[in-house]
Amino acid sequence: MLKVVNKHIADLETDLSDGLRLIALVEVLSGKLFQQKYTRRPTLRPQKLENVTMALRFLERDEGIRIVNIGESVAGLAVCPPTCTV
């Protein structure tokens, strides 16, 4: 599926940790371009966290997909609940 955007996922923890491949996956699955600004070359942990959080919020808010049982950590990063700001 990600072949369309020339990306692949081999290890969920490392490949999704910066949010870039997660955003690409969300775009492919939803058929929509991600409209929010995100960090395209995240190097710092907060930048990676923000990308992952924005992708998950997009799924919940725009696609109506309820995210459950992911705990407080995704790909080794603490994820902010929808009510907090990043």
Protein backbone atom coordinates (compact mmCIF):
# COMPACT_ATOMS: atom_id res chain seq x y z
CA MET A 1 0.00 0.00 0.00
CA LEU A 2 2.79 2.43 0.82
CA LYS A 3 4.47 1.46 -2.43
CA VAL A 4 2.32 4.17 -4.02
CA VAL A 5 4.33 6.80 -2.11
CA ASN A 6 7.62 4.87 -2.30
CA LYS A 7 7.75 3.98 1.41
CA HIS A 8 7.81 0.70 3.30
CA ILE A 9 7.41 -0.40 6.90
CA ALA A 10 9.59 -3.19 8.23
CA ASP A 11 9.60 -2.42 11.97
CA LEU A 12 6.58 -0.61 13.43
CA GLU A 13 8.46 0.86 16.37
CA THR A 14 11.28 2.44 14.40
CA ASP A 15 9.56 3.11 11.09
CA LEU A 16 6.58 4.93 12.62
CA SER A 17 8.50 6.68 15.40
CA ASP A 18 8.93 10.03 13.63
CA GLY A 19 5.37 10.09 12.28
CA LEU A 20 6.35 10.54 8.62
CA ARG A 21 5.46 7.04 7.43
CA LEU A 22 2.37 7.10 9.63
CA ILE A 23 1.25 10.31 7.92
CA ALA A 24 1.97 8.72 4.50
CA LEU A 25 -0.05 5.64 5.49
CA VAL A 26 -2.95 7.80 6.68
CA GLU A 27 -2.90 9.70 3.39
CA VAL A 28 -2.93 6.50 1.31
CA LEU A 29 -5.66 4.84 3.36
CA SER A 30 -7.91 7.91 3.53
CA GLY A 31 -7.26 9.09 -0.02
CA LYS A 32 -6.75 12.59 1.36
CA LEU A 33 -3.67 14.77 1.58
CA PHE A 34 -2.61 15.70 5.10
CA GLN A 35 -3.53 19.39 5.33
CA GLN A 36 -1.85 20.21 8.63
CA LYS A 37 1.71 21.45 8.69
CA TYR A 38 4.04 18.83 10.09
CA THR A 39 7.80 18.57 10.52
CA ARG A 40 9.13 16.96 7.34
CA ARG A 41 12.60 16.32 8.79
CA PRO A 42 12.03 15.70 12.49
CA THR A 43 15.21 15.35 14.48
CA LEU A 44 14.04 16.27 17.95
CA ARG A 45 11.78 14.07 20.07
CA PRO A 46 9.05 16.77 20.41
CA GLN A 47 8.91 17.11 16.60
CA LYS A 48 8.46 13.36 16.21
CA LEU A 49 5.80 13.31 18.93
CA GLU A 50 3.92 16.15 17.26
CA ASN A 51 3.89 14.32 13.90
CA VAL A 52 2.58 11.07 15.44
CA THR A 53 -0.02 12.94 17.48
CA MET A 54 -1.26 14.88 14.45
CA ALA A 55 -1.65 11.67 12.43
CA LEU A 56 -3.62 9.99 15.22
CA ARG A 57 -5.81 13.05 15.70
CA PHE A 58 -6.49 13.14 11.95
CA LEU A 59 -7.72 9.55 12.13
CA GLU A 60 -10.01 10.36 15.03
CA ARG A 61 -11.29 13.75 13.97
CA ASP A 62 -11.41 13.60 10.18
CA GLU A 63 -11.88 9.90 9.53
CA GLY A 64 -14.01 9.04 12.58
CA ILE A 65 -11.70 6.20 13.61
CA ARG A 66 -11.64 5.81 17.36
CA ILE A 67 -8.14 5.01 18.63
CA VAL A 68 -8.22 2.61 21.59
CA ASN A 69 -5.74 0.55 23.58
CA ILE A 70 -2.59 2.25 22.42
CA GLY A 71 -1.65 3.25 25.94
CA GLU A 72 0.30 6.39 26.62
CA SER A 73 3.10 5.46 24.28
CA VAL A 74 3.26 4.96 20.55
CA ALA A 75 6.55 4.00 18.92
CA GLY A 76 8.40 4.79 22.14
CA LEU A 77 6.96 8.30 22.36
CA ALA A 78 4.46 9.53 24.91
CA VAL A 79 1.32 10.48 23.00
CA CYS A 80 -0.75 13.42 24.05
CA PRO A 81 -4.48 12.77 24.54
CA PRO A 82 -6.80 14.72 22.18
CA THR A 83 -7.52 17.33 24.86
CA CYS A 84 -3.94 18.52 25.32
CA THR A 85 -1.91 20.72 22.99
CA VAL A 86 1.47 19.87 21.56
